[in-house]
């Protein structure tokens, strides 16, 4: 199962951490992992393009983490889009992805 942890300060995302594999299907055929990977990697790229100095990030197979250092409206909007997309995947595949907000 993919585990997503979203940490917030005053309703603003400060940390986004994604780990694990969905095991929906075999590697290369797993649409849940592929979807989550596309959302997260694309989102990190958008954050970097907006303001690389605003975040610290780590991204490797089966794991990604974004720590927000400097929030602004655009960074916040990108993080909101990422989480909305992840919640959409969770709604369709609840046995394979779990989102926890702290």
C-alpha atoms as a PDB file:
ATOM      1  CA  UNK A   1       0.000   0.000   0.000  1.00  0.00           C
ATOM      2  CA  UNK A   2       1.124   3.539  -0.736  1.00  0.00           C
ATOM      3  CA  UNK A   3       1.150   5.745   2.353  1.00  0.00           C
ATOM      4  CA  UNK A   4       0.858   9.512   2.035  1.00  0.00           C
ATOM      5  CA  UNK A   5       1.492  11.714   5.057  1.00  0.00           C
ATOM      6  CA  UNK A   6       0.491  15.362   4.849  1.00  0.00           C
ATOM      7  CA  UNK A   7       1.617  17.642   7.673  1.00  0.00           C
ATOM      8  CA  UNK A   8      -0.004  21.040   7.999  1.00  0.00           C
ATOM      9  CA  UNK A   9       0.613  24.218   9.962  1.00  0.00           C
ATOM     10  CA  UNK A  10      -2.475  26.429  10.169  1.00  0.00           C
ATOM     11  CA  UNK A  11      -4.118  24.559   7.256  1.00  0.00           C
ATOM     12  CA  UNK A  12      -1.045  25.066   5.047  1.00  0.00           C
ATOM     13  CA  UNK A  13       0.944  22.038   3.908  1.00  0.00           C
ATOM     14  CA  UNK A  14       4.441  21.983   5.385  1.00  0.00           C
ATOM     15  CA  UNK A  15       5.467  18.375   4.602  1.00  0.00           C
ATOM     16  CA  UNK A  16       4.313  15.873   1.995  1.00  0.00           C
ATOM     17  CA  UNK A  17       5.720  12.349   2.260  1.00  0.00           C
ATOM     18  CA  UNK A  18       4.830   9.435  -0.019  1.00  0.00           C
ATOM     19  CA  UNK A  19       6.164   5.922   0.526  1.00  0.00           C
ATOM     20  CA  UNK A  20       5.610   2.340  -0.491  1.00  0.00           C
ATOM     21  CA  UNK A  21       4.139   0.519  -3.458  1.00  0.00           C
ATOM     22  CA  UNK A  22       0.472  -0.144  -4.118  1.00  0.00           C
ATOM     23  CA  UNK A  23       0.878  -3.774  -5.239  1.00  0.00           C
ATOM     24  CA  UNK A  24      -2.167  -3.253  -7.455  1.00  0.00           C
ATOM     25  CA  UNK A  25      -0.376  -5.173 -10.211  1.00  0.00           C
ATOM     26  CA  UNK A  26       3.115  -6.296 -11.182  1.00  0.00           C
ATOM     27  CA  UNK A  27       5.894  -3.766 -11.736  1.00  0.00           C
ATOM     28  CA  UNK A  28       5.408  -2.074 -15.080  1.00  0.00           C
ATOM     29  CA  UNK A  29       1.660  -2.744 -15.072  1.00  0.00           C
ATOM     30  CA  UNK A  30       0.730  -1.077 -11.781  1.00  0.00           C
ATOM     31  CA  UNK A  31      -1.517   1.844 -12.748  1.00  0.00           C
ATOM     32  CA  UNK A  32      -1.888   3.037  -9.147  1.00  0.00           C
ATOM     33  CA  UNK A  33       1.873   3.340  -8.610  1.00  0.00           C
ATOM     34  CA  UNK A  34       2.271   4.916 -12.042  1.00  0.00           C
ATOM     35  CA  UNK A  35      -0.462   7.461 -11.332  1.00  0.00           C
ATOM     36  CA  UNK A  36       0.885   8.389  -7.912  1.00  0.00           C
ATOM     37  CA  UNK A  37       4.433   8.614  -9.273  1.00  0.00           C
ATOM     38  CA  UNK A  38       3.320  10.913 -12.087  1.00  0.00           C
ATOM     39  CA  UNK A  39       1.446  13.164  -9.656  1.00  0.00           C
ATOM     40  CA  UNK A  40       4.278  13.362  -7.148  1.00  0.00           C
ATOM     41  CA  UNK A  41       7.221  13.706  -9.556  1.00  0.00           C
ATOM     42  CA  UNK A  42       5.316  16.160 -11.737  1.00  0.00           C
ATOM     43  CA  UNK A  43       4.351  18.112  -8.631  1.00  0.00           C
ATOM     44  CA  UNK A  44       7.929  18.247  -7.367  1.00  0.00           C
ATOM     45  CA  UNK A  45       9.047  19.454 -10.802  1.00  0.00           C
ATOM     46  CA  UNK A  46       6.386  22.189 -10.692  1.00  0.00           C
ATOM     47  CA  UNK A  47       7.560  23.234  -7.216  1.00  0.00           C
ATOM     48  CA  UNK A  48      11.188  23.335  -8.384  1.00  0.00           C
ATOM     49  CA  UNK A  49      10.239  25.372 -11.448  1.00  0.00           C
ATOM     50  CA  UNK A  50       8.285  27.818  -9.286  1.00  0.00           C
ATOM     51  CA  UNK A  51      10.933  28.330  -6.592  1.00  0.00           C
ATOM     52  CA  UNK A  52      13.594  25.682  -5.950  1.00  0.00           C
ATOM     53  CA  UNK A  53      14.740  27.507  -2.801  1.00  0.00           C
ATOM     54  CA  UNK A  54      11.254  27.230  -1.252  1.00  0.00           C
ATOM     55  CA  UNK A  55      11.524  23.465  -0.706  1.00  0.00           C
ATOM     56  CA  UNK A  56      13.809  20.645   0.296  1.00  0.00           C
ATOM     57  CA  UNK A  57      12.979  17.377  -1.413  1.00  0.00           C
ATOM     58  CA  UNK A  58      14.028  13.776  -1.796  1.00  0.00           C
ATOM     59  CA  UNK A  59      12.776  11.491  -4.528  1.00  0.00           C
ATOM     60  CA  UNK A  60      13.753   7.875  -5.152  1.00  0.00           C
ATOM     61  CA  UNK A  61      11.992   4.645  -6.042  1.00  0.00           C
ATOM     62  CA  UNK A  62       9.136   4.072  -3.627  1.00  0.00           C
ATOM     63  CA  UNK A  63       9.726   7.266  -1.665  1.00  0.00           C
ATOM     64  CA  UNK A  64       9.349  11.020  -2.025  1.00  0.00           C
ATOM     65  CA  UNK A  65       9.336  13.816   0.523  1.00  0.00           C
ATOM     66  CA  UNK A  66       8.847  17.552   0.203  1.00  0.00           C
ATOM     67  CA  UNK A  67       9.570  19.903   3.096  1.00  0.00           C
ATOM     68  CA  UNK A  68       8.396  23.458   2.572  1.00  0.00           C
ATOM     69  CA  UNK A  69      10.879  26.073   3.753  1.00  0.00           C
ATOM     70  CA  UNK A  70       9.218  29.207   2.367  1.00  0.00           C
ATOM     71  CA  UNK A  71       5.532  29.186   1.528  1.00  0.00           C
ATOM     72  CA  UNK A  72       3.899  31.558  -0.916  1.00  0.00           C
ATOM     73  CA  UNK A  73       0.598  31.459  -2.802  1.00  0.00           C
ATOM     74  CA  UNK A  74       1.993  29.629  -5.830  1.00  0.00           C
ATOM     75  CA  UNK A  75       3.811  26.986  -3.782  1.00  0.00           C
ATOM     76  CA  UNK A  76       0.677  26.481  -1.687  1.00  0.00           C
ATOM     77  CA  UNK A  77      -1.474  26.162  -4.820  1.00  0.00           C
ATOM     78  CA  UNK A  78       0.841  23.525  -6.320  1.00  0.00           C
ATOM     79  CA  UNK A  79       0.788  21.531  -3.071  1.00  0.00           C
ATOM     80  CA  UNK A  80      -3.019  21.759  -2.991  1.00  0.00           C
ATOM     81  CA  UNK A  81      -3.211  20.436  -6.561  1.00  0.00           C
ATOM     82  CA  UNK A  82      -0.877  17.537  -5.717  1.00  0.00           C
ATOM     83  CA  UNK A  83      -2.939  16.557  -2.676  1.00  0.00           C
ATOM     84  CA  UNK A  84      -6.258  16.899  -4.547  1.00  0.00           C
ATOM     85  CA  UNK A  85      -4.938  14.545  -7.214  1.00  0.00           C
ATOM     86  CA  UNK A  86      -3.716  12.061  -4.594  1.00  0.00           C
ATOM     87  CA  UNK A  87      -7.111  12.144  -2.849  1.00  0.00           C
ATOM     88  CA  UNK A  88      -8.720  11.426  -6.229  1.00  0.00           C
ATOM     89  CA  UNK A  89      -6.563   8.304  -6.628  1.00  0.00           C
ATOM     90  CA  UNK A  90      -7.368   7.261  -3.047  1.00  0.00           C
ATOM     91  CA  UNK A  91     -11.084   7.627  -3.768  1.00  0.00           C
ATOM     92  CA  UNK A  92     -10.796   5.272  -6.744  1.00  0.00           C
ATOM     93  CA  UNK A  93      -8.328   2.802  -5.195  1.00  0.00           C
ATOM     94  CA  UNK A  94      -8.791   2.894  -1.386  1.00  0.00           C
ATOM     95  CA  UNK A  95      -7.233  -0.543  -0.874  1.00  0.00           C
ATOM     96  CA  UNK A  96      -3.978   0.612  -2.451  1.00  0.00           C
ATOM     97  CA  UNK A  97      -3.328   4.146  -1.164  1.00  0.00           C
ATOM     98  CA  UNK A  98      -3.928   5.689   2.261  1.00  0.00           C
ATOM     99  CA  UNK A  99      -3.645   9.416   3.000  1.00  0.00           C
ATOM    100  CA  UNK A 100      -3.073  10.618   6.565  1.00  0.00           C
ATOM    101  CA  UNK A 101      -3.235  14.294   7.521  1.00  0.00           C
ATOM    102  CA  UNK A 102      -1.444  15.474  10.634  1.00  0.00           C
END
